[in-house]
PDB file of N, CA and C in Angstrom:
ATOM      1  N   MET A   1     -16.366   6.021  -5.073  1.00  0.00           N
ATOM      2  CA  MET A   1     -15.233   5.368  -5.842  1.00  0.00           C
ATOM      3  C   MET A   1     -13.750   4.977  -5.011  1.00  0.00           C
ATOM      4  N   MET A   2     -13.521   4.027  -4.144  1.00  0.00           N
ATOM      5  CA  MET A   2     -11.987   4.041  -3.769  1.00  0.00           C
ATOM      6  C   MET A   2     -11.443   4.553  -4.865  1.00  0.00           C
ATOM      7  N   LYS A   3     -10.345   5.362  -4.069  1.00  0.00           N
ATOM      8  CA  LYS A   3      -9.102   5.813  -5.141  1.00  0.00           C
ATOM      9  C   LYS A   3      -7.556   4.947  -4.082  1.00  0.00           C
ATOM     10  N   ILE A   4      -7.211   3.892  -4.748  1.00  0.00           N
ATOM     11  CA  ILE A   4      -5.997   3.340  -4.748  1.00  0.00           C
ATOM     12  C   ILE A   4      -4.986   3.197  -5.130  1.00  0.00           C
ATOM     13  N   LEU A   5      -3.754   3.169  -4.544  1.00  0.00           N
ATOM     14  CA  LEU A   5      -2.495   3.164  -5.284  1.00  0.00           C
ATOM     15  C   LEU A   5      -1.913   2.153  -4.885  1.00  0.00           C
ATOM     16  N   LEU A   6      -1.383   1.137  -5.432  1.00  0.00           N
ATOM     17  CA  LEU A   6      -0.637  -0.022  -5.421  1.00  0.00           C
ATOM     18  C   LEU A   6       1.009   0.209  -5.920  1.00  0.00           C
ATOM     19  N   VAL A   7       1.680   0.105  -4.770  1.00  0.00           N
ATOM     20  CA  VAL A   7       3.132   0.460  -5.075  1.00  0.00           C
ATOM     21  C   VAL A   7       3.843  -0.813  -5.019  1.00  0.00           C
ATOM     22  N   ASP A   8       4.361  -1.702  -6.359  1.00  0.00           N
ATOM     23  CA  ASP A   8       4.504  -2.785  -5.950  1.00  0.00           C
ATOM     24  C   ASP A   8       5.562  -3.023  -7.178  1.00  0.00           C
ATOM     25  N   ASP A   9       6.708  -3.663  -7.666  1.00  0.00           N
ATOM     26  CA  ASP A   9       7.801  -3.891  -8.815  1.00  0.00           C
ATOM     27  C   ASP A   9       7.611  -4.925  -9.443  1.00  0.00           C
ATOM     28  N   ASN A  10       6.950  -5.827  -8.889  1.00  0.00           N
ATOM     29  CA  ASN A  10       6.412  -7.173  -9.815  1.00  0.00           C
ATOM     30  C   ASN A  10       4.697  -6.976 -10.510  1.00  0.00           C
ATOM     31  N   ALA A  11       5.044  -6.519 -11.830  1.00  0.00           N
ATOM     32  CA  ALA A  11       3.983  -6.386 -12.789  1.00  0.00           C
ATOM     33  C   ALA A  11       3.154  -7.560 -12.599  1.00  0.00           C
ATOM     34  N   GLU A  12       3.332  -8.708 -12.535  1.00  0.00           N
ATOM     35  CA  GLU A  12       2.460  -9.391 -12.554  1.00  0.00           C
ATOM     36  C   GLU A  12       1.491  -9.375 -11.330  1.00  0.00           C
ATOM     37  N   ILE A  13       1.916  -9.275 -10.215  1.00  0.00           N
ATOM     38  CA  ILE A  13       0.902  -8.759  -9.147  1.00  0.00           C
ATOM     39  C   ILE A  13       0.252  -7.389  -9.466  1.00  0.00           C
ATOM     40  N   THR A  14       1.075  -6.521  -9.980  1.00  0.00           N
ATOM     41  CA  THR A  14       0.380  -5.082  -9.747  1.00  0.00           C
ATOM     42  C   THR A  14      -0.928  -5.257 -10.886  1.00  0.00           C
ATOM     43  N   GLU A  15      -0.461  -6.109 -11.950  1.00  0.00           N
ATOM     44  CA  GLU A  15      -1.732  -6.292 -13.116  1.00  0.00           C
ATOM     45  C   GLU A  15      -2.844  -7.160 -12.554  1.00  0.00           C
ATOM     46  N   MET A  16      -2.666  -8.190 -12.049  1.00  0.00           N
ATOM     47  CA  MET A  16      -3.681  -9.002 -11.325  1.00  0.00           C
ATOM     48  C   MET A  16      -4.717  -8.266 -10.000  1.00  0.00           C
ATOM     49  N   VAL A  17      -3.842  -7.562  -9.342  1.00  0.00           N
ATOM     50  CA  VAL A  17      -4.293  -6.598  -8.236  1.00  0.00           C
ATOM     51  C   VAL A  17      -5.480  -5.829  -8.924  1.00  0.00           C
ATOM     52  N   SER A  18      -4.617  -5.027  -9.489  1.00  0.00           N
ATOM     53  CA  SER A  18      -5.455  -3.980 -10.198  1.00  0.00           C
ATOM     54  C   SER A  18      -6.522  -4.322 -10.834  1.00  0.00           C
ATOM     55  N   PHE A  19      -6.579  -4.943 -11.831  1.00  0.00           N
ATOM     56  CA  PHE A  19      -7.304  -6.041 -12.236  1.00  0.00           C
ATOM     57  C   PHE A  19      -8.658  -6.030 -11.111  1.00  0.00           C
ATOM     58  N   TYR A  20      -8.299  -6.968 -10.332  1.00  0.00           N
ATOM     59  CA  TYR A  20      -9.178  -7.270  -9.765  1.00  0.00           C
ATOM     60  C   TYR A  20      -9.861  -6.025  -8.701  1.00  0.00           C
ATOM     61  N   LEU A  21      -9.152  -5.464  -8.418  1.00  0.00           N
ATOM     62  CA  LEU A  21      -9.522  -3.944  -7.531  1.00  0.00           C
ATOM     63  C   LEU A  21     -10.624  -3.168  -8.469  1.00  0.00           C
ATOM     64  N   GLN A  22      -9.892  -3.196  -9.790  1.00  0.00           N
ATOM     65  CA  GLN A  22     -11.057  -2.387 -10.815  1.00  0.00           C
ATOM     66  C   GLN A  22     -12.490  -2.958 -11.080  1.00  0.00           C
ATOM     67  N   SER A  23     -12.338  -4.142 -11.139  1.00  0.00           N
ATOM     68  CA  SER A  23     -13.423  -5.217 -11.243  1.00  0.00           C
ATOM     69  C   SER A  23     -14.195  -4.628 -10.463  1.00  0.00           C
ATOM     70  N   ASN A  24     -13.806  -4.614  -8.893  1.00  0.00           N
ATOM     71  CA  ASN A  24     -14.820  -4.291  -7.990  1.00  0.00           C
ATOM     72  C   ASN A  24     -15.525  -3.054  -7.390  1.00  0.00           C
ATOM     73  N   GLY A  25     -14.628  -2.243  -8.402  1.00  0.00           N
ATOM     74  CA  GLY A  25     -15.165  -0.773  -8.244  1.00  0.00           C
ATOM     75  C   GLY A  25     -14.554   0.106  -8.033  1.00  0.00           C
ATOM     76  N   ALA A  26     -13.348  -0.075  -7.761  1.00  0.00           N
ATOM     77  CA  ALA A  26     -11.797   1.025  -7.312  1.00  0.00           C
ATOM     78  C   ALA A  26     -11.407   1.582  -8.360  1.00  0.00           C
ATOM     79  N   GLU A  27     -10.865   2.524  -8.404  1.00  0.00           N
ATOM     80  CA  GLU A  27     -10.195   3.199  -9.231  1.00  0.00           C
ATOM     81  C   GLU A  27      -8.481   2.923  -8.735  1.00  0.00           C
ATOM     82  N   CYS A  28      -7.656   2.117  -9.172  1.00  0.00           N
ATOM     83  CA  CYS A  28      -6.442   2.010  -8.924  1.00  0.00           C
ATOM     84  C   CYS A  28      -5.144   2.137 -10.061  1.00  0.00           C
ATOM     85  N   LYS A  29      -4.293   2.642  -9.174  1.00  0.00           N
ATOM     86  CA  LYS A  29      -3.060   3.394 -10.095  1.00  0.00           C
ATOM     87  C   LYS A  29      -2.044   2.848  -9.510  1.00  0.00           C
ATOM     88  N   VAL A  30      -1.288   1.945 -10.215  1.00  0.00           N
ATOM     89  CA  VAL A  30      -0.086   1.305  -9.919  1.00  0.00           C
ATOM     90  C   VAL A  30       1.327   2.063 -10.001  1.00  0.00           C
ATOM     91  N   ALA A  31       2.292   2.099  -8.995  1.00  0.00           N
ATOM     92  CA  ALA A  31       3.606   2.284  -9.480  1.00  0.00           C
ATOM     93  C   ALA A  31       4.684   1.075  -9.094  1.00  0.00           C
ATOM     94  N   ASN A  32       5.099   1.061 -10.374  1.00  0.00           N
ATOM     95  CA  ASN A  32       6.295  -0.240 -10.012  1.00  0.00           C
ATOM     96  C   ASN A  32       7.608   0.131  -9.786  1.00  0.00           C
ATOM     97  N   THR A  33       8.004   1.332  -8.977  1.00  0.00           N
ATOM     98  CA  THR A  33       9.037   1.707  -8.505  1.00  0.00           C
ATOM     99  C   THR A  33       9.130   2.313  -7.356  1.00  0.00           C
ATOM    100  N   GLY A  34       9.464   2.641  -6.289  1.00  0.00           N
ATOM    101  CA  GLY A  34       9.576   2.949  -5.033  1.00  0.00           C
ATOM    102  C   GLY A  34       9.584   4.498  -5.241  1.00  0.00           C
ATOM    103  N   ARG A  35      10.507   5.245  -6.173  1.00  0.00           N
ATOM    104  CA  ARG A  35      10.360   6.554  -6.476  1.00  0.00           C
ATOM    105  C   ARG A  35       9.330   7.043  -6.853  1.00  0.00           C
ATOM    106  N   GLY A  36       8.506   6.057  -8.045  1.00  0.00           N
ATOM    107  CA  GLY A  36       7.226   6.515  -8.406  1.00  0.00           C
ATOM    108  C   GLY A  36       6.243   6.639  -7.289  1.00  0.00           C
ATOM    109  N   GLY A  37       6.159   5.365  -6.758  1.00  0.00           N
ATOM    110  CA  GLY A  37       4.978   5.217  -5.622  1.00  0.00           C
ATOM    111  C   GLY A  37       5.265   6.765  -4.539  1.00  0.00           C
ATOM    112  N   LEU A  38       6.478   7.049  -4.201  1.00  0.00           N
ATOM    113  CA  LEU A  38       6.465   7.884  -3.447  1.00  0.00           C
ATOM    114  C   LEU A  38       5.752   9.473  -4.028  1.00  0.00           C
ATOM    115  N   GLU A  39       6.375   9.647  -5.373  1.00  0.00           N
ATOM    116  CA  GLU A  39       5.981  10.805  -6.068  1.00  0.00           C
ATOM    117  C   GLU A  39       4.450  11.198  -6.305  1.00  0.00           C
ATOM    118  N   GLU A  40       3.982   9.697  -6.390  1.00  0.00           N
ATOM    119  CA  GLU A  40       2.467   9.520  -6.578  1.00  0.00           C
ATOM    120  C   GLU A  40       1.735   9.909  -5.422  1.00  0.00           C
ATOM    121  N   ILE A  41       2.605   9.492  -4.030  1.00  0.00           N
ATOM    122  CA  ILE A  41       1.687   9.431  -2.769  1.00  0.00           C
ATOM    123  C   ILE A  41       1.720  11.145  -2.640  1.00  0.00           C
ATOM    124  N   ARG A  42       2.658  11.936  -2.896  1.00  0.00           N
ATOM    125  CA  ARG A  42       2.955  13.146  -2.481  1.00  0.00           C
ATOM    126  C   ARG A  42       1.807  14.132  -3.463  1.00  0.00           C
ATOM    127  N   ARG A  43       1.944  13.586  -4.879  1.00  0.00           N
ATOM    128  CA  ARG A  43       0.850  14.283  -5.817  1.00  0.00           C
ATOM    129  C   ARG A  43      -0.570  14.190  -5.440  1.00  0.00           C
ATOM    130  N   GLY A  44      -0.999  12.930  -5.269  1.00  0.00           N
ATOM    131  CA  GLY A  44      -2.298  12.205  -5.300  1.00  0.00           C
ATOM    132  C   GLY A  44      -3.117  12.233  -3.706  1.00  0.00           C
ATOM    133  N   LYS A  45      -4.337  12.135  -3.793  1.00  0.00           N
ATOM    134  CA  LYS A  45      -4.770  11.900  -2.487  1.00  0.00           C
ATOM    135  C   LYS A  45      -5.488  10.084  -2.531  1.00  0.00           C
ATOM    136  N   TYR A  46      -5.298   9.023  -1.920  1.00  0.00           N
ATOM    137  CA  TYR A  46      -5.520   7.700  -2.325  1.00  0.00           C
ATOM    138  C   TYR A  46      -6.109   7.418  -0.780  1.00  0.00           C
ATOM    139  N   ASP A  47      -7.706   6.508  -0.949  1.00  0.00           N
ATOM    140  CA  ASP A  47      -7.996   5.953   0.238  1.00  0.00           C
ATOM    141  C   ASP A  47      -7.153   5.053   0.923  1.00  0.00           C
ATOM    142  N   VAL A  48      -6.298   4.594   0.103  1.00  0.00           N
ATOM    143  CA  VAL A  48      -5.446   3.274   0.095  1.00  0.00           C
ATOM    144  C   VAL A  48      -3.892   3.318  -0.138  1.00  0.00           C
ATOM    145  N   VAL A  49      -2.697   2.927   0.158  1.00  0.00           N
ATOM    146  CA  VAL A  49      -1.839   2.748  -0.050  1.00  0.00           C
ATOM    147  C   VAL A  49      -1.346   1.582  -0.013  1.00  0.00           C
ATOM    148  N   ILE A  50      -1.268   0.680  -1.125  1.00  0.00           N
ATOM    149  CA  ILE A  50      -0.709  -0.979  -0.844  1.00  0.00           C
ATOM    150  C   ILE A  50       0.586  -0.301  -1.208  1.00  0.00           C
ATOM    151  N   LEU A  51       1.643  -1.144  -0.095  1.00  0.00           N
ATOM    152  CA  LEU A  51       3.167  -0.620  -0.006  1.00  0.00           C
ATOM    153  C   LEU A  51       3.550  -2.108  -0.162  1.00  0.00           C
ATOM    154  N   ASP A  52       4.926  -2.171  -1.466  1.00  0.00           N
ATOM    155  CA  ASP A  52       5.622  -3.548  -1.104  1.00  0.00           C
ATOM    156  C   ASP A  52       6.783  -2.884  -0.394  1.00  0.00           C
ATOM    157  N   LEU A  53       7.751  -3.596   0.066  1.00  0.00           N
ATOM    158  CA  LEU A  53       8.815  -3.730   1.042  1.00  0.00           C
ATOM    159  C   LEU A  53       9.894  -3.896   0.020  1.00  0.00           C
ATOM    160  N   ALA A  54       9.960  -5.024  -0.762  1.00  0.00           N
ATOM    161  CA  ALA A  54      11.277  -5.479  -1.160  1.00  0.00           C
ATOM    162  C   ALA A  54      10.848  -4.770  -3.084  1.00  0.00           C
ATOM    163  N   ILE A  55      11.191  -3.803  -3.062  1.00  0.00           N
ATOM    164  CA  ILE A  55      11.553  -3.214  -4.301  1.00  0.00           C
ATOM    165  C   ILE A  55      12.941  -3.115  -4.537  1.00  0.00           C
ATOM    166  N   PRO A  56      13.252  -3.030  -5.537  1.00  0.00           N
ATOM    167  CA  PRO A  56      15.086  -2.734  -5.714  1.00  0.00           C
ATOM    168  C   PRO A  56      15.090  -1.257  -5.828  1.00  0.00           C
ATOM    169  N   GLU A  57      16.293  -0.746  -5.918  1.00  0.00           N
ATOM    170  CA  GLU A  57      16.954   0.795  -5.862  1.00  0.00           C
ATOM    171  C   GLU A  57      16.421   1.468  -4.577  1.00  0.00           C
ATOM    172  N   PHE A  58      14.802   2.084  -4.299  1.00  0.00           N
ATOM    173  CA  PHE A  58      14.264   2.583  -3.847  1.00  0.00           C
ATOM    174  C   PHE A  58      13.005   1.739  -2.873  1.00  0.00           C
ATOM    175  N   SER A  59      13.462   1.117  -1.902  1.00  0.00           N
ATOM    176  CA  SER A  59      12.592   0.191  -1.241  1.00  0.00           C
ATOM    177  C   SER A  59      11.155   0.627  -0.975  1.00  0.00           C
ATOM    178  N   GLY A  60      10.151  -0.310  -0.194  1.00  0.00           N
ATOM    179  CA  GLY A  60       9.423   0.415   0.267  1.00  0.00           C
ATOM    180  C   GLY A  60       9.692   1.110   1.851  1.00  0.00           C
ATOM    181  N   PHE A  61      10.489   0.656   2.344  1.00  0.00           N
ATOM    182  CA  PHE A  61      11.291   1.002   3.218  1.00  0.00           C
ATOM    183  C   PHE A  61      11.723   2.490   3.453  1.00  0.00           C
ATOM    184  N   ASP A  62      12.387   2.571   1.943  1.00  0.00           N
ATOM    185  CA  ASP A  62      12.506   3.920   1.770  1.00  0.00           C
ATOM    186  C   ASP A  62      11.367   4.738   1.624  1.00  0.00           C
ATOM    187  N   VAL A  63      10.385   3.946   0.936  1.00  0.00           N
ATOM    188  CA  VAL A  63       9.524   5.134   0.741  1.00  0.00           C
ATOM    189  C   VAL A  63       8.562   5.581   2.131  1.00  0.00           C
ATOM    190  N   PHE A  64       8.742   4.579   3.227  1.00  0.00           N
ATOM    191  CA  PHE A  64       7.834   4.579   4.157  1.00  0.00           C
ATOM    192  C   PHE A  64       8.610   5.818   5.067  1.00  0.00           C
ATOM    193  N   ASN A  65       9.905   5.570   4.960  1.00  0.00           N
ATOM    194  CA  ASN A  65      10.893   6.527   5.818  1.00  0.00           C
ATOM    195  C   ASN A  65      10.833   7.721   5.193  1.00  0.00           C
ATOM    196  N   ALA A  66      10.713   7.996   4.085  1.00  0.00           N
ATOM    197  CA  ALA A  66      10.512   9.149   3.599  1.00  0.00           C
ATOM    198  C   ALA A  66       9.157   9.963   4.078  1.00  0.00           C
ATOM    199  N   LEU A  67       8.161   9.303   3.767  1.00  0.00           N
ATOM    200  CA  LEU A  67       6.875   9.957   4.195  1.00  0.00           C
ATOM    201  C   LEU A  67       6.688  10.197   5.618  1.00  0.00           C
ATOM    202  N   LYS A  68       7.279   9.532   6.184  1.00  0.00           N
ATOM    203  CA  LYS A  68       7.402   9.666   7.714  1.00  0.00           C
ATOM    204  C   LYS A  68       8.334  10.885   8.200  1.00  0.00           C
ATOM    205  N   LYS A  69       9.232  10.720   7.522  1.00  0.00           N
ATOM    206  CA  LYS A  69      10.212  12.412   7.631  1.00  0.00           C
ATOM    207  C   LYS A  69       9.549  13.805   7.109  1.00  0.00           C
ATOM    208  N   GLU A  70       8.529  13.701   6.222  1.00  0.00           N
ATOM    209  CA  GLU A  70       7.735  14.756   5.523  1.00  0.00           C
ATOM    210  C   GLU A  70       6.331  14.800   6.087  1.00  0.00           C
ATOM    211  N   GLY A  71       6.086  13.833   7.127  1.00  0.00           N
ATOM    212  CA  GLY A  71       5.011  13.678   7.952  1.00  0.00           C
ATOM    213  C   GLY A  71       3.905  13.428   7.263  1.00  0.00           C
ATOM    214  N   LEU A  72       3.943  12.664   6.470  1.00  0.00           N
ATOM    215  CA  LEU A  72       2.671  12.205   5.600  1.00  0.00           C
ATOM    216  C   LEU A  72       2.277  10.425   5.730  1.00  0.00           C
ATOM    217  N   VAL A  73       2.611   9.859   6.885  1.00  0.00           N
ATOM    218  CA  VAL A  73       2.700   8.555   6.897  1.00  0.00           C
ATOM    219  C   VAL A  73       0.598   8.673   7.761  1.00  0.00           C
ATOM    220  N   GLU A  74       0.636   9.577   8.773  1.00  0.00           N
ATOM    221  CA  GLU A  74      -0.674   9.389   9.347  1.00  0.00           C
ATOM    222  C   GLU A  74      -1.662   9.726   8.431  1.00  0.00           C
ATOM    223  N   SER A  75      -1.476  10.713   7.223  1.00  0.00           N
ATOM    224  CA  SER A  75      -2.722  11.501   6.329  1.00  0.00           C
ATOM    225  C   SER A  75      -2.870  10.349   5.534  1.00  0.00           C
ATOM    226  N   ASN A  76      -1.967   9.029   5.325  1.00  0.00           N
ATOM    227  CA  ASN A  76      -2.387   8.304   4.657  1.00  0.00           C
ATOM    228  C   ASN A  76      -2.554   6.753   4.875  1.00  0.00           C
ATOM    229  N   ASN A  77      -3.433   5.940   4.520  1.00  0.00           N
ATOM    230  CA  ASN A  77      -3.848   4.652   5.242  1.00  0.00           C
ATOM    231  C   ASN A  77      -2.534   4.092   4.301  1.00  0.00           C
ATOM    232  N   ILE A  78      -1.737   3.642   5.000  1.00  0.00           N
ATOM    233  CA  ILE A  78      -0.642   2.504   4.315  1.00  0.00           C
ATOM    234  C   ILE A  78      -0.824   1.407   4.550  1.00  0.00           C
ATOM    235  N   VAL A  79      -1.021   0.355   3.572  1.00  0.00           N
ATOM    236  CA  VAL A  79      -1.197  -0.965   4.021  1.00  0.00           C
ATOM    237  C   VAL A  79       0.123  -1.530   3.663  1.00  0.00           C
ATOM    238  N   ILE A  80       1.130  -2.124   4.315  1.00  0.00           N
ATOM    239  CA  ILE A  80       2.261  -2.798   3.899  1.00  0.00           C
ATOM    240  C   ILE A  80       1.961  -4.351   3.266  1.00  0.00           C
ATOM    241  N   PHE A  81       2.705  -4.306   2.032  1.00  0.00           N
ATOM    242  CA  PHE A  81       2.153  -5.361   1.088  1.00  0.00           C
ATOM    243  C   PHE A  81       3.370  -5.969   0.911  1.00  0.00           C
ATOM    244  N   THR A  82       3.763  -7.345   1.689  1.00  0.00           N
ATOM    245  CA  THR A  82       4.993  -7.833   1.583  1.00  0.00           C
ATOM    246  C   THR A  82       5.453  -9.340   1.668  1.00  0.00           C
ATOM    247  N   ALA A  83       6.100  -9.798   0.872  1.00  0.00           N
ATOM    248  CA  ALA A  83       6.334 -11.479   1.070  1.00  0.00           C
ATOM    249  C   ALA A  83       7.788 -11.387   1.695  1.00  0.00           C
ATOM    250  N   SER A  84       8.366 -10.523   2.113  1.00  0.00           N
ATOM    251  CA  SER A  84       9.460 -10.221   2.666  1.00  0.00           C
ATOM    252  C   SER A  84       9.693 -10.715   4.304  1.00  0.00           C
ATOM    253  N   SER A  85      10.409 -11.332   4.622  1.00  0.00           N
ATOM    254  CA  SER A  85      10.626 -11.848   5.866  1.00  0.00           C
ATOM    255  C   SER A  85      10.812 -10.766   7.107  1.00  0.00           C
ATOM    256  N   ILE A  86      10.104  -9.581   7.241  1.00  0.00           N
ATOM    257  CA  ILE A  86      10.480  -8.985   7.976  1.00  0.00           C
ATOM    258  C   ILE A  86      10.301  -9.188   9.506  1.00  0.00           C
ATOM    259  N   SER A  87      11.012  -8.854  10.283  1.00  0.00           N
ATOM    260  CA  SER A  87      10.738  -9.074  11.592  1.00  0.00           C
ATOM    261  C   SER A  87       9.794  -8.409  12.281  1.00  0.00           C
ATOM    262  N   GLU A  88       9.093  -9.274  13.231  1.00  0.00           N
ATOM    263  CA  GLU A  88       8.018  -8.410  14.167  1.00  0.00           C
ATOM    264  C   GLU A  88       8.391  -7.076  14.694  1.00  0.00           C
ATOM    265  N   GLU A  89       9.503  -7.158  15.093  1.00  0.00           N
ATOM    266  CA  GLU A  89       9.924  -5.763  16.054  1.00  0.00           C
ATOM    267  C   GLU A  89       9.816  -4.855  14.724  1.00  0.00           C
ATOM    268  N   ASN A  90      10.144  -5.010  13.151  1.00  0.00           N
ATOM    269  CA  ASN A  90      10.076  -4.123  12.125  1.00  0.00           C
ATOM    270  C   ASN A  90       8.358  -3.851  11.602  1.00  0.00           C
ATOM    271  N   VAL A  91       7.494  -4.938  11.742  1.00  0.00           N
ATOM    272  CA  VAL A  91       6.739  -4.770  11.466  1.00  0.00           C
ATOM    273  C   VAL A  91       5.661  -3.731  12.652  1.00  0.00           C
ATOM    274  N   GLU A  92       6.022  -4.163  13.757  1.00  0.00           N
ATOM    275  CA  GLU A  92       5.427  -3.369  15.364  1.00  0.00           C
ATOM    276  C   GLU A  92       6.027  -1.746  15.264  1.00  0.00           C
ATOM    277  N   SER A  93       7.236  -1.434  14.960  1.00  0.00           N
ATOM    278  CA  SER A  93       7.775  -0.515  14.612  1.00  0.00           C
ATOM    279  C   SER A  93       7.037   0.509  13.293  1.00  0.00           C
ATOM    280  N   MET A  94       6.856  -0.341  12.435  1.00  0.00           N
ATOM    281  CA  MET A  94       6.057   0.507  11.098  1.00  0.00           C
ATOM    282  C   MET A  94       4.824   0.952  11.525  1.00  0.00           C
ATOM    283  N   VAL A  95       4.117   0.178  12.153  1.00  0.00           N
ATOM    284  CA  VAL A  95       2.657   0.188  12.670  1.00  0.00           C
ATOM    285  C   VAL A  95       2.512   1.510  13.765  1.00  0.00           C
ATOM    286  N   ARG A  96       3.740   1.282  14.709  1.00  0.00           N
ATOM    287  CA  ARG A  96       3.669   2.450  15.536  1.00  0.00           C
ATOM    288  C   ARG A  96       4.158   3.816  14.889  1.00  0.00           C
ATOM    289  N   ASP A  97       4.705   3.795  13.738  1.00  0.00           N
ATOM    290  CA  ASP A  97       5.231   5.000  13.055  1.00  0.00           C
ATOM    291  C   ASP A  97       3.644   5.264  11.907  1.00  0.00           C
ATOM    292  N   GLY A  98       2.874   4.374  12.115  1.00  0.00           N
ATOM    293  CA  GLY A  98       1.712   4.749  11.172  1.00  0.00           C
ATOM    294  C   GLY A  98       0.873   4.140  10.144  1.00  0.00           C
ATOM    295  N   ALA A  99       1.927   3.220   9.919  1.00  0.00           N
ATOM    296  CA  ALA A  99       1.215   2.273   8.718  1.00  0.00           C
ATOM    297  C   ALA A  99       0.009   1.598   9.566  1.00  0.00           C
ATOM    298  N   LYS A 100      -1.248   1.286   8.971  1.00  0.00           N
ATOM    299  CA  LYS A 100      -2.281   0.886   9.255  1.00  0.00           C
ATOM    300  C   LYS A 100      -2.545  -0.780   9.248  1.00  0.00           C
ATOM    301  N   LEU A 101      -1.701  -1.493   8.850  1.00  0.00           N
ATOM    302  CA  LEU A 101      -1.775  -3.003   8.707  1.00  0.00           C
ATOM    303  C   LEU A 101      -0.396  -3.295   7.739  1.00  0.00           C
ATOM    304  N   VAL A 102      -0.239  -4.818   8.077  1.00  0.00           N
ATOM    305  CA  VAL A 102       0.915  -5.506   7.368  1.00  0.00           C
ATOM    306  C   VAL A 102       0.184  -6.709   6.854  1.00  0.00           C
ATOM    307  N   LEU A 103      -0.071  -6.908   5.625  1.00  0.00           N
ATOM    308  CA  LEU A 103      -0.358  -8.171   5.261  1.00  0.00           C
ATOM    309  C   LEU A 103       0.901  -8.606   4.436  1.00  0.00           C
ATOM    310  N   ARG A 104       0.943 -10.203   4.743  1.00  0.00           N
ATOM    311  CA  ARG A 104       1.829 -10.843   4.450  1.00  0.00           C
ATOM    312  C   ARG A 104       1.491 -11.525   2.940  1.00  0.00           C
ATOM    313  N   LYS A 105       2.310 -11.780   1.866  1.00  0.00           N
ATOM    314  CA  LYS A 105       2.068 -12.636   0.903  1.00  0.00           C
ATOM    315  C   LYS A 105       2.135 -13.648   1.105  1.00  0.00           C
ATOM    316  N   PRO A 106       1.751 -14.715   0.479  1.00  0.00           N
ATOM    317  CA  PRO A 106       0.902 -14.353  -0.401  1.00  0.00           C
ATOM    318  C   PRO A 106      -0.970 -14.268   0.454  1.00  0.00           C
ATOM    319  N   VAL A 107      -1.395 -13.581  -0.143  1.00  0.00           N
ATOM    320  CA  VAL A 107      -3.021 -13.142   0.401  1.00  0.00           C
ATOM    321  C   VAL A 107      -3.947 -13.452  -0.376  1.00  0.00           C
ATOM    322  N   SER A 108      -4.868 -13.963  -0.076  1.00  0.00           N
ATOM    323  CA  SER A 108      -6.231 -13.955  -0.933  1.00  0.00           C
ATOM    324  C   SER A 108      -6.581 -12.445  -1.581  1.00  0.00           C
ATOM    325  N   LEU A 109      -7.202 -12.469  -3.037  1.00  0.00           N
ATOM    326  CA  LEU A 109      -7.652 -11.193  -3.289  1.00  0.00           C
ATOM    327  C   LEU A 109      -8.726 -11.007  -2.570  1.00  0.00           C
ATOM    328  N   ASP A 110      -9.582 -11.931  -2.073  1.00  0.00           N
ATOM    329  CA  ASP A 110     -10.705 -11.407  -1.121  1.00  0.00           C
ATOM    330  C   ASP A 110     -10.184 -10.790   0.135  1.00  0.00           C
ATOM    331  N   ASP A 111      -9.427 -11.684   0.410  1.00  0.00           N
ATOM    332  CA  ASP A 111      -9.143 -10.923   2.073  1.00  0.00           C
ATOM    333  C   ASP A 111      -8.418  -9.622   1.717  1.00  0.00           C
ATOM    334  N   LEU A 112      -7.556  -9.463   0.391  1.00  0.00           N
ATOM    335  CA  LEU A 112      -7.080  -8.112   0.188  1.00  0.00           C
ATOM    336  C   LEU A 112      -8.497  -6.931   0.072  1.00  0.00           C
ATOM    337  N   GLN A 113      -9.025  -7.571  -0.789  1.00  0.00           N
ATOM    338  CA  GLN A 113     -10.740  -6.708  -0.745  1.00  0.00           C
ATOM    339  C   GLN A 113     -11.387  -6.226   0.649  1.00  0.00           C
ATOM    340  N   SER A 114     -11.374  -7.308   1.519  1.00  0.00           N
ATOM    341  CA  SER A 114     -11.882  -7.056   2.579  1.00  0.00           C
ATOM    342  C   SER A 114     -11.233  -5.910   3.384  1.00  0.00           C
ATOM    343  N   VAL A 115      -9.957  -5.840   3.447  1.00  0.00           N
ATOM    344  CA  VAL A 115      -9.190  -5.249   4.237  1.00  0.00           C
ATOM    345  C   VAL A 115      -8.973  -3.825   3.433  1.00  0.00           C
ATOM    346  N   ILE A 116      -9.352  -3.532   2.539  1.00  0.00           N
ATOM    347  CA  ILE A 116      -9.056  -2.350   1.635  1.00  0.00           C
ATOM    348  C   ILE A 116     -10.272  -1.579   1.936  1.00  0.00           C
ATOM    349  N   ALA A 117     -11.676  -2.475   2.184  1.00  0.00           N
ATOM    350  CA  ALA A 117     -13.000  -2.089   2.584  1.00  0.00           C
ATOM    351  C   ALA A 117     -13.009  -1.538   3.693  1.00  0.00           C
ATOM    352  N   THR A 118     -12.554  -1.846   4.838  1.00  0.00           N
ATOM    353  CA  THR A 118     -12.110  -1.254   5.999  1.00  0.00           C
ATOM    354  C   THR A 118     -12.042   0.532   5.956  1.00  0.00           C
ATOM    355  N   PHE A 119     -11.527   0.599   5.165  1.00  0.00           N
ATOM    356  CA  PHE A 119     -10.921   2.363   4.682  1.00  0.00           C
ATOM    357  C   PHE A 119     -12.199   2.884   3.946  1.00  0.00           C
ATOM    358  N   ASP A 120     -12.683   2.392   3.290  1.00  0.00           N
ATOM    359  CA  ASP A 120     -13.804   2.864   2.715  1.00  0.00           C
ATOM    360  C   ASP A 120     -15.036   3.660   3.371  1.00  0.00           C
ATOM    361  N   GLY A 121     -14.932   4.970   3.334  1.00  0.00           N
ATOM    362  CA  GLY A 121     -15.149   6.109   4.272  1.00  0.00           C
ATOM    363  C   GLY A 121     -17.066   5.811   3.701  1.00  0.00           C
ATOM    364  N   SER A 122     -17.119   5.856   2.449  1.00  0.00           N
ATOM    365  CA  SER A 122     -18.528   5.836   2.043  1.00  0.00           C
ATOM    366  C   SER A 122     -19.386   4.941   2.553  1.00  0.00           C
ATOM    367  N   LYS A 123     -19.040   3.751   2.993  1.00  0.00           N
ATOM    368  CA  LYS A 123     -19.479   2.710   3.772  1.00  0.00           C
ATOM    369  C   LYS A 123     -19.561   2.664   4.851  1.00  0.00           C
ATOM    370  N   ARG A 124     -19.313   3.555   5.713  1.00  0.00           N
ATOM    371  CA  ARG A 124     -19.174   3.748   7.277  1.00  0.00           C
ATOM    372  C   ARG A 124     -20.667   4.535   7.527  1.00  0.00           C
ATOM    373  N   SER A 125     -20.965   4.036   8.604  1.00  0.00           N
ATOM    374  CA  SER A 125     -22.247   4.533   9.158  1.00  0.00           C
ATOM    375  C   SER A 125     -22.025   5.533  10.135  1.00  0.00           C
TER     376      SER A 125
END
């Protein structure tokens, strides 16, 4: 069973996405604040971390930069999940620094599931 951490301040999105992922056999933990997400990443081992960038107070950028500073980006499959209009330069920089992928909202749940499945080691041959 895949373990997924979803870090997003929008409770409607986290409820819908976590329900969908759990109904497809994943274990999904939700953090609705950036600080909560950072602590959870430090504490647990997740197959995929889905990280929204536009979180108030301590943003997804802050989470990503803290993980980068602590050397924890490469050891986590971080998928940036954002509706923010971030520049291609920022996207390329985050991918260079270890983010595995950037998904722009809105994204279909099936497409999100397909992306997550690429990190499922139990299904790789």
